C-alpha atoms as a PDB file:
ATOM      1  CA  MET A   1      18.992 -25.431   1.917  1.00  0.00           C
ATOM      2  CA  ASN A   2      22.322 -23.349   2.305  1.00  0.00           C
ATOM      3  CA  GLN A   3      22.034 -20.750   5.027  1.00  0.00           C
ATOM      4  CA  ILE A   4      22.570 -16.967   4.149  1.00  0.00           C
ATOM      5  CA  THR A   5      25.077 -15.181   5.902  1.00  0.00           C
ATOM      6  CA  ILE A   6      23.675 -11.516   6.270  1.00  0.00           C
ATOM      7  CA  PRO A   7      26.183  -8.845   7.557  1.00  0.00           C
ATOM      8  CA  VAL A   8      25.450  -6.357  10.006  1.00  0.00           C
ATOM      9  CA  LEU A   9      24.152  -2.991   8.781  1.00  0.00           C
ATOM     10  CA  PRO A  10      26.285  -0.131   9.319  1.00  0.00           C
ATOM     11  CA  GLN A  11      25.233   2.315  12.280  1.00  0.00           C
ATOM     12  CA  MET A  12      25.881   5.451  10.446  1.00  0.00           C
ATOM     13  CA  ASN A  13      24.980   7.515  13.494  1.00  0.00           C
ATOM     14  CA  GLU A  14      27.093  10.392  12.767  1.00  0.00           C
ATOM     15  CA  LEU A  15      25.534  10.376   9.170  1.00  0.00           C
ATOM     16  CA  TRP A  16      22.022  10.161  10.619  1.00  0.00           C
ATOM     17  CA  GLN A  17      22.786  13.076  12.965  1.00  0.00           C
ATOM     18  CA  GLN A  18      24.440  15.271  10.303  1.00  0.00           C
ATOM     19  CA  THR A  19      21.702  14.688   7.481  1.00  0.00           C
ATOM     20  CA  LEU A  20      18.399  14.436   9.517  1.00  0.00           C
ATOM     21  CA  ASN A  21      19.334  15.766  12.913  1.00  0.00           C
ATOM     22  CA  TRP A  22      18.260  12.434  14.288  1.00  0.00           C
ATOM     23  CA  GLN A  23      19.584   8.902  14.843  1.00  0.00           C
ATOM     24  CA  PRO A  24      17.971   5.701  16.006  1.00  0.00           C
ATOM     25  CA  ASP A  25      18.071   4.358  19.490  1.00  0.00           C
ATOM     26  CA  GLU A  26      19.480   0.853  20.278  1.00  0.00           C
ATOM     27  CA  SER A  27      16.138  -0.758  20.117  1.00  0.00           C
ATOM     28  CA  GLN A  28      15.307   0.949  16.497  1.00  0.00           C
ATOM     29  CA  GLN A  29      18.796   0.022  15.317  1.00  0.00           C
ATOM     30  CA  GLN A  30      18.007  -3.648  16.248  1.00  0.00           C
ATOM     31  CA  GLN A  31      14.778  -3.319  14.455  1.00  0.00           C
ATOM     32  CA  PHE A  32      16.582  -1.959  11.137  1.00  0.00           C
ATOM     33  CA  GLN A  33      19.110  -5.027  11.456  1.00  0.00           C
ATOM     34  CA  ARG A  34      16.253  -7.475  11.651  1.00  0.00           C
ATOM     35  CA  LEU A  35      14.319  -5.667   8.935  1.00  0.00           C
ATOM     36  CA  TYR A  36      17.357  -6.152   6.597  1.00  0.00           C
ATOM     37  CA  GLU A  37      17.645  -9.701   7.592  1.00  0.00           C
ATOM     38  CA  LEU A  38      14.119 -10.154   6.773  1.00  0.00           C
ATOM     39  CA  ILE A  39      14.405  -8.403   3.274  1.00  0.00           C
ATOM     40  CA  VAL A  40      17.482 -10.284   2.338  1.00  0.00           C
ATOM     41  CA  GLU A  41      15.714 -13.692   3.346  1.00  0.00           C
ATOM     42  CA  GLY A  42      12.464 -12.818   1.557  1.00  0.00           C
ATOM     43  CA  ASN A  43      14.407 -12.086  -1.732  1.00  0.00           C
ATOM     44  CA  ARG A  44      14.976 -15.724  -2.054  1.00  0.00           C
ATOM     45  CA  SER A  45      11.376 -16.133  -3.009  1.00  0.00           C
ATOM     46  CA  LEU A  46      10.043 -12.826  -3.821  1.00  0.00           C
ATOM     47  CA  ASN A  47      11.543  -9.945  -5.903  1.00  0.00           C
ATOM     48  CA  LEU A  48      11.418  -7.287  -3.266  1.00  0.00           C
ATOM     49  CA  THR A  49      14.386  -5.296  -3.882  1.00  0.00           C
ATOM     50  CA  ARG A  50      17.766  -5.552  -5.969  1.00  0.00           C
ATOM     51  CA  ILE A  51      19.594  -3.534  -3.052  1.00  0.00           C
ATOM     52  CA  THR A  52      20.950  -6.120  -0.520  1.00  0.00           C
ATOM     53  CA  ASP A  53      24.540  -4.623   0.152  1.00  0.00           C
ATOM     54  CA  PRO A  54      24.372  -3.202   3.713  1.00  0.00           C
ATOM     55  CA  ILE A  55      25.536   0.401   3.020  1.00  0.00           C
ATOM     56  CA  GLU A  56      23.371   0.590  -0.020  1.00  0.00           C
ATOM     57  CA  PHE A  57      20.383  -0.657   2.118  1.00  0.00           C
ATOM     58  CA  TRP A  58      21.012   1.604   4.695  1.00  0.00           C
ATOM     59  CA  GLU A  59      21.325   4.653   2.294  1.00  0.00           C
ATOM     60  CA  LYS A  60      18.413   3.799  -0.512  1.00  0.00           C
ATOM     61  CA  HIS A  61      16.023   2.111   1.587  1.00  0.00           C
ATOM     62  CA  LEU A  62      16.392   3.312   5.387  1.00  0.00           C
ATOM     63  CA  TRP A  63      17.861   6.743   4.935  1.00  0.00           C
ATOM     64  CA  ASP A  64      15.765   7.533   1.897  1.00  0.00           C
ATOM     65  CA  SER A  65      12.707   6.516   3.540  1.00  0.00           C
ATOM     66  CA  LEU A  66      13.173   8.817   6.494  1.00  0.00           C
ATOM     67  CA  ARG A  67      14.633  11.833   4.690  1.00  0.00           C
ATOM     68  CA  GLY A  68      10.979  12.454   2.960  1.00  0.00           C
ATOM     69  CA  ILE A  69       9.554  13.113   6.442  1.00  0.00           C
ATOM     70  CA  ALA A  70      12.588  14.501   8.127  1.00  0.00           C
ATOM     71  CA  ARG A  71      10.747  17.337   9.897  1.00  0.00           C
ATOM     72  CA  LEU A  72       8.566  14.695  11.615  1.00  0.00           C
ATOM     73  CA  LEU A  73      11.512  13.129  13.305  1.00  0.00           C
ATOM     74  CA  PRO A  74      11.612  13.741  16.819  1.00  0.00           C
ATOM     75  CA  ALA A  75      14.643  16.075  17.003  1.00  0.00           C
ATOM     76  CA  ASN A  76      13.300  18.164  14.129  1.00  0.00           C
ATOM     77  CA  SER A  77       9.683  18.424  15.225  1.00  0.00           C
ATOM     78  CA  SER A  78      10.123  21.624  17.179  1.00  0.00           C
ATOM     79  CA  ALA A  79      12.852  23.045  15.095  1.00  0.00           C
ATOM     80  CA  GLY A  80      10.397  24.982  12.881  1.00  0.00           C
ATOM     81  CA  LYS A  81      12.749  24.459   9.904  1.00  0.00           C
ATOM     82  CA  ASN A  82       9.686  24.075   7.534  1.00  0.00           C
ATOM     83  CA  PRO A  83       6.543  25.268   9.152  1.00  0.00           C
ATOM     84  CA  GLU A  84       4.497  24.258   6.068  1.00  0.00           C
ATOM     85  CA  LEU A  85       4.626  20.640   6.838  1.00  0.00           C
ATOM     86  CA  PRO A  86       2.305  19.257   9.653  1.00  0.00           C
ATOM     87  CA  LEU A  87       4.292  18.319  12.847  1.00  0.00           C
ATOM     88  CA  GLN A  88       1.915  17.585  15.521  1.00  0.00           C
ATOM     89  CA  SER A  89      -1.241  16.975  13.754  1.00  0.00           C
ATOM     90  CA  VAL A  90      -0.017  13.651  11.782  1.00  0.00           C
ATOM     91  CA  GLN A  91      -1.670  10.563  13.393  1.00  0.00           C
ATOM     92  CA  LYS A  92      -2.451   8.494  10.219  1.00  0.00           C
ATOM     93  CA  ALA A  93      -0.321   7.467   7.232  1.00  0.00           C
ATOM     94  CA  ILE A  94      -0.794   5.422   4.239  1.00  0.00           C
ATOM     95  CA  ASP A  95       2.346   4.016   2.207  1.00  0.00           C
ATOM     96  CA  ILE A  96       0.605   3.440  -1.309  1.00  0.00           C
ATOM     97  CA  GLY A  97       2.407   0.694  -3.381  1.00  0.00           C
ATOM     98  CA  THR A  98       4.639  -0.343  -0.397  1.00  0.00           C
ATOM     99  CA  GLY A  99       6.178  -3.140  -1.886  1.00  0.00           C
ATOM    100  CA  GLY A 100       8.806  -4.817   0.525  1.00  0.00           C
ATOM    101  CA  GLY A 101       7.672  -2.129   3.107  1.00  0.00           C
ATOM    102  CA  PHE A 102       9.375   1.265   1.997  1.00  0.00           C
ATOM    103  CA  PRO A 103       9.105   3.801   3.044  1.00  0.00           C
ATOM    104  CA  GLY A 104       6.323   2.746   5.408  1.00  0.00           C
ATOM    105  CA  LEU A 105       8.399   0.177   7.438  1.00  0.00           C
ATOM    106  CA  PRO A 106      11.229   2.425   8.468  1.00  0.00           C
ATOM    107  CA  ILE A 107       8.833   5.596   9.226  1.00  0.00           C
ATOM    108  CA  ALA A 108       6.777   3.002  11.487  1.00  0.00           C
ATOM    109  CA  ILE A 109      10.036   2.311  13.375  1.00  0.00           C
ATOM    110  CA  ALA A 110      11.238   5.684  13.645  1.00  0.00           C
ATOM    111  CA  LEU A 111       7.614   7.135  14.713  1.00  0.00           C
ATOM    112  CA  PRO A 112       6.091   4.655  16.858  1.00  0.00           C
ATOM    113  CA  HIS A 113       3.020   6.929  17.827  1.00  0.00           C
ATOM    114  CA  LEU A 114       2.345   7.263  14.225  1.00  0.00           C
ATOM    115  CA  SER A 115      -0.479   4.722  12.692  1.00  0.00           C
ATOM    116  CA  VAL A 116       0.891   3.495   9.275  1.00  0.00           C
ATOM    117  CA  THR A 117      -1.082   1.525   6.666  1.00  0.00           C
ATOM    118  CA  LEU A 118       1.013  -0.673   4.144  1.00  0.00           C
ATOM    119  CA  LEU A 119      -1.129  -0.707   1.076  1.00  0.00           C
ATOM    120  CA  ASP A 120      -0.059  -3.066  -1.987  1.00  0.00           C
ATOM    121  CA  SER A 121      -2.032  -4.782  -4.568  1.00  0.00           C
ATOM    122  CA  THR A 122       0.040  -7.916  -4.659  1.00  0.00           C
ATOM    123  CA  ARG A 123      -1.014 -10.607  -2.472  1.00  0.00           C
ATOM    124  CA  LYS A 124       2.286 -12.144  -1.836  1.00  0.00           C
ATOM    125  CA  LYS A 125       3.988  -8.830  -0.730  1.00  0.00           C
ATOM    126  CA  ILE A 126       1.074  -8.192   1.521  1.00  0.00           C
ATOM    127  CA  THR A 127       1.460 -12.055   2.938  1.00  0.00           C
ATOM    128  CA  PHE A 128       5.270 -11.237   3.485  1.00  0.00           C
ATOM    129  CA  LEU A 129       4.559  -8.145   5.267  1.00  0.00           C
ATOM    130  CA  GLU A 130       2.157  -9.747   7.812  1.00  0.00           C
ATOM    131  CA  THR A 131       5.112 -12.007   8.798  1.00  0.00           C
ATOM    132  CA  VAL A 132       7.463  -9.011   9.117  1.00  0.00           C
ATOM    133  CA  LEU A 133       5.255  -6.979  11.433  1.00  0.00           C
ATOM    134  CA  PRO A 134       5.316  -9.221  14.248  1.00  0.00           C
ATOM    135  CA  SER A 135       8.813 -10.451  13.602  1.00  0.00           C
ATOM    136  CA  LEU A 136       9.776  -6.588  14.183  1.00  0.00           C
ATOM    137  CA  GLY A 137       7.619  -6.163  16.906  1.00  0.00           C
ATOM    138  CA  ILE A 138       5.862  -3.383  15.313  1.00  0.00           C
ATOM    139  CA  GLU A 139       2.261  -2.580  16.577  1.00  0.00           C
ATOM    140  CA  ASN A 140       1.758   0.702  14.995  1.00  0.00           C
ATOM    141  CA  ALA A 141       1.684  -0.668  11.439  1.00  0.00           C
ATOM    142  CA  ALA A 142      -1.010  -2.735   9.638  1.00  0.00           C
ATOM    143  CA  THR A 143      -1.114  -4.299   5.870  1.00  0.00           C
ATOM    144  CA  LEU A 144      -3.981  -3.507   3.432  1.00  0.00           C
ATOM    145  CA  LEU A 145      -4.392  -5.527   0.084  1.00  0.00           C
ATOM    146  CA  GLY A 146      -6.055  -3.584  -2.576  1.00  0.00           C
ATOM    147  CA  ARG A 147      -5.630  -0.713  -5.144  1.00  0.00           C
ATOM    148  CA  SER A 148      -5.519   2.864  -3.948  1.00  0.00           C
ATOM    149  CA  ASP A 149      -8.468   3.919  -6.209  1.00  0.00           C
ATOM    150  CA  GLU A 150     -10.684   1.183  -4.986  1.00  0.00           C
ATOM    151  CA  ILE A 151     -10.075   1.565  -1.204  1.00  0.00           C
ATOM    152  CA  ALA A 152     -10.567   5.293  -1.581  1.00  0.00           C
ATOM    153  CA  ARG A 153     -14.256   4.797  -2.240  1.00  0.00           C
ATOM    154  CA  GLY A 154     -14.751   3.107   1.150  1.00  0.00           C
ATOM    155  CA  ALA A 155     -15.758   5.189   3.878  1.00  0.00           C
ATOM    156  CA  GLN A 156     -13.079   3.542   6.176  1.00  0.00           C
ATOM    157  CA  HIS A 157     -10.177   5.108   3.973  1.00  0.00           C
ATOM    158  CA  LYS A 158     -11.786   8.094   2.124  1.00  0.00           C
ATOM    159  CA  GLN A 159     -10.178  11.248   3.346  1.00  0.00           C
ATOM    160  CA  ALA A 160      -8.799   9.365   6.169  1.00  0.00           C
ATOM    161  CA  TYR A 161      -5.105  10.040   6.321  1.00  0.00           C
ATOM    162  CA  ASP A 162      -3.052  12.817   7.479  1.00  0.00           C
ATOM    163  CA  LEU A 163       0.098  11.653   5.528  1.00  0.00           C
ATOM    164  CA  ALA A 164       0.491   9.800   2.102  1.00  0.00           C
ATOM    165  CA  LEU A 165       3.779   8.346   1.003  1.00  0.00           C
ATOM    166  CA  LEU A 166       4.664   7.280  -2.408  1.00  0.00           C
ATOM    167  CA  ARG A 167       8.009   5.848  -3.444  1.00  0.00           C
ATOM    168  CA  ALA A 168       8.781   4.377  -7.137  1.00  0.00           C
ATOM    169  CA  VAL A 169       4.952   4.221  -7.998  1.00  0.00           C
ATOM    170  CA  GLY A 170       5.001   5.885 -11.234  1.00  0.00           C
ATOM    171  CA  ALA A 171       4.475   9.324 -12.803  1.00  0.00           C
ATOM    172  CA  ALA A 172       3.950  12.234 -10.261  1.00  0.00           C
ATOM    173  CA  SER A 173       0.588  12.737 -11.912  1.00  0.00           C
ATOM    174  CA  LEU A 174      -0.608   8.989 -11.096  1.00  0.00           C
ATOM    175  CA  CYS A 175       0.732   9.436  -7.683  1.00  0.00           C
ATOM    176  CA  ALA A 176      -1.253  12.561  -6.931  1.00  0.00           C
ATOM    177  CA  LYS A 177      -4.449  10.699  -8.206  1.00  0.00           C
ATOM    178  CA  CYS A 178      -3.751   7.805  -5.914  1.00  0.00           C
ATOM    179  CA  ALA A 179      -2.853   9.945  -3.158  1.00  0.00           C
ATOM    180  CA  LEU A 180      -4.967  12.888  -2.764  1.00  0.00           C
ATOM    181  CA  PRO A 181      -8.465  11.260  -2.591  1.00  0.00           C
ATOM    182  CA  LEU A 182      -7.088   9.302   0.573  1.00  0.00           C
ATOM    183  CA  LEU A 183      -6.219  12.355   2.322  1.00  0.00           C
ATOM    184  CA  LYS A 184      -8.107  14.750   4.829  1.00  0.00           C
ATOM    185  CA  ASN A 185      -8.497  18.127   3.728  1.00  0.00           C
ATOM    186  CA  GLY A 186      -5.156  19.796   5.085  1.00  0.00           C
ATOM    187  CA  GLY A 187      -3.371  16.300   4.622  1.00  0.00           C
ATOM    188  CA  LEU A 188       0.055  15.954   3.092  1.00  0.00           C
ATOM    189  CA  ALA A 189       1.430  13.555   0.157  1.00  0.00           C
ATOM    190  CA  VAL A 190       5.197  12.902  -0.054  1.00  0.00           C
ATOM    191  CA  LEU A 191       6.192  11.839  -3.492  1.00  0.00           C
ATOM    192  CA  TYR A 192       9.874  10.298  -3.508  1.00  0.00           C
ATOM    193  CA  ARG A 193      11.643  11.070  -6.918  1.00  0.00           C
ATOM    194  CA  GLY A 194      14.793  10.862  -8.506  1.00  0.00           C
ATOM    195  CA  ASN A 195      15.350  13.368 -10.954  1.00  0.00           C
ATOM    196  CA  TRP A 196      12.628  16.234 -11.350  1.00  0.00           C
ATOM    197  CA  THR A 197      12.033  18.077 -14.453  1.00  0.00           C
ATOM    198  CA  VAL A 198       9.822  21.260 -15.139  1.00  0.00           C
ATOM    199  CA  GLU A 199       7.658  19.239 -17.507  1.00  0.00           C
ATOM    200  CA  GLU A 200       6.844  16.708 -14.762  1.00  0.00           C
ATOM    201  CA  GLU A 201       6.120  19.518 -12.714  1.00  0.00           C
ATOM    202  CA  THR A 202       3.712  21.012 -15.088  1.00  0.00           C
ATOM    203  CA  GLU A 203       1.857  17.745 -15.886  1.00  0.00           C
ATOM    204  CA  LEU A 204       1.364  17.260 -11.929  1.00  0.00           C
ATOM    205  CA  GLN A 205      -0.054  20.756 -11.766  1.00  0.00           C
ATOM    206  CA  ARG A 206      -2.431  20.307 -14.262  1.00  0.00           C
ATOM    207  CA  ALA A 207      -3.509  16.648 -12.587  1.00  0.00           C
ATOM    208  CA  ILE A 208      -3.799  18.076  -8.998  1.00  0.00           C
ATOM    209  CA  GLU A 209      -5.785  21.215  -9.964  1.00  0.00           C
ATOM    210  CA  ARG A 210      -8.835  18.846 -10.702  1.00  0.00           C
ATOM    211  CA  LEU A 211      -8.150  16.721  -7.318  1.00  0.00           C
ATOM    212  CA  GLY A 212      -8.067  19.604  -4.708  1.00  0.00           C
ATOM    213  CA  GLY A 213      -4.338  19.727  -4.355  1.00  0.00           C
ATOM    214  CA  THR A 214      -1.543  22.066  -4.533  1.00  0.00           C
ATOM    215  CA  ILE A 215       2.278  21.569  -4.841  1.00  0.00           C
ATOM    216  CA  GLU A 216       3.432  23.099  -1.537  1.00  0.00           C
ATOM    217  CA  SER A 217       7.212  22.492  -1.882  1.00  0.00           C
ATOM    218  CA  VAL A 218       9.795  20.585  -3.862  1.00  0.00           C
ATOM    219  CA  GLU A 219      13.167  19.506  -1.844  1.00  0.00           C
ATOM    220  CA  ALA A 220      16.060  18.745  -3.788  1.00  0.00           C
ATOM    221  CA  PHE A 221      19.022  16.930  -2.100  1.00  0.00           C
ATOM    222  CA  THR A 222      21.673  14.390  -2.493  1.00  0.00           C
ATOM    223  CA  THR A 223      22.097  10.910  -1.087  1.00  0.00           C
ATOM    224  CA  PRO A 224      24.890  11.067   1.815  1.00  0.00           C
ATOM    225  CA  THR A 225      27.223   8.176   0.624  1.00  0.00           C
ATOM    226  CA  SER A 226      26.666   7.790  -3.053  1.00  0.00           C
ATOM    227  CA  GLN A 227      25.789  11.305  -3.623  1.00  0.00           C
ATOM    228  CA  GLY A 228      22.701  10.372  -5.912  1.00  0.00           C
ATOM    229  CA  ALA A 229      20.225  13.011  -6.980  1.00  0.00           C
ATOM    230  CA  ARG A 230      16.745  12.752  -5.238  1.00  0.00           C
ATOM    231  CA  HIS A 231      13.654  15.075  -4.826  1.00  0.00           C
ATOM    232  CA  CYS A 232      10.664  15.257  -2.443  1.00  0.00           C
ATOM    233  CA  VAL A 233       7.525  16.720  -3.934  1.00  0.00           C
ATOM    234  CA  TYR A 234       5.110  17.737  -1.038  1.00  0.00           C
ATOM    235  CA  LEU A 235       1.332  18.129  -2.078  1.00  0.00           C
ATOM    236  CA  ARG A 236      -1.162  19.557   0.108  1.00  0.00           C
ATOM    237  CA  LYS A 237      -4.714  18.626   0.050  1.00  0.00           C
ATOM    238  CA  VAL A 238      -6.823  21.950  -0.021  1.00  0.00           C
ATOM    239  CA  VAL A 239     -10.557  22.406   0.555  1.00  0.00           C
ATOM    240  CA  GLN A 240     -12.215  23.314  -2.874  1.00  0.00           C
ATOM    241  CA  GLN A 241     -15.148  25.685  -2.978  1.00  0.00           C
ATOM    242  CA  PHE A 242     -17.258  22.881  -4.054  1.00  0.00           C
ATOM    243  CA  ASP A 243     -16.452  20.684  -1.206  1.00  0.00           C
ATOM    244  CA  ARG A 244     -18.825  20.162   1.451  1.00  0.00           C
ATOM    245  CA  PRO A 245     -17.730  20.975   4.863  1.00  0.00           C
ATOM    246  CA  ILE A 246     -16.725  18.151   6.988  1.00  0.00           C
ATOM    247  CA  ARG A 247     -18.883  18.180  10.225  1.00  0.00           C
END
């Protein structure tokens, strides 16, 4: 079998700093490089991603993953730019429909004190991620096989997470239905979107009213190298009047 020559990822420290007020240390950069290598190798047998060019991979998998939780990155955690986002209280996160590990793996690398659950319903992808975690030396992430609606019925996962991440999962209303039952009261869901329309927001608003959620904010931005349009929609899990208090 021919050996694949995998290029070195660009470090992009200046762009990291300019756009997220953060940049990876040497160890994190090495983990990003190893993740890139594993994804390219895994693509030989699994359909993990069509994005394998190093600059595209940096922007559309690494940078894009971390842009959604930028306020949680160490340099930003005390900046107070967006006090509506939880900063110190986030301990447990779940990446719903993680696929090849995005955005969960880059977030686990950038935030080593955050416990990240990588959830997917495809056994082959979970098996792949189970080999990736020890290869990257990541101890703050674990895999979970299943569907979000099924695991939300279990006591271990229902209302157990501070943060839910959904990227390329489906319609925003579907994302809300997947995420909100897994969040603690006061927890936050981050929906990674491309374009965002008034119609989508109206449909989402109708869906979350029944689920105990509210649209806290919508952030529009462009990607730093290709200038692509992106949005992050932040949903807050709120206590409803008919909810029983958690003791």
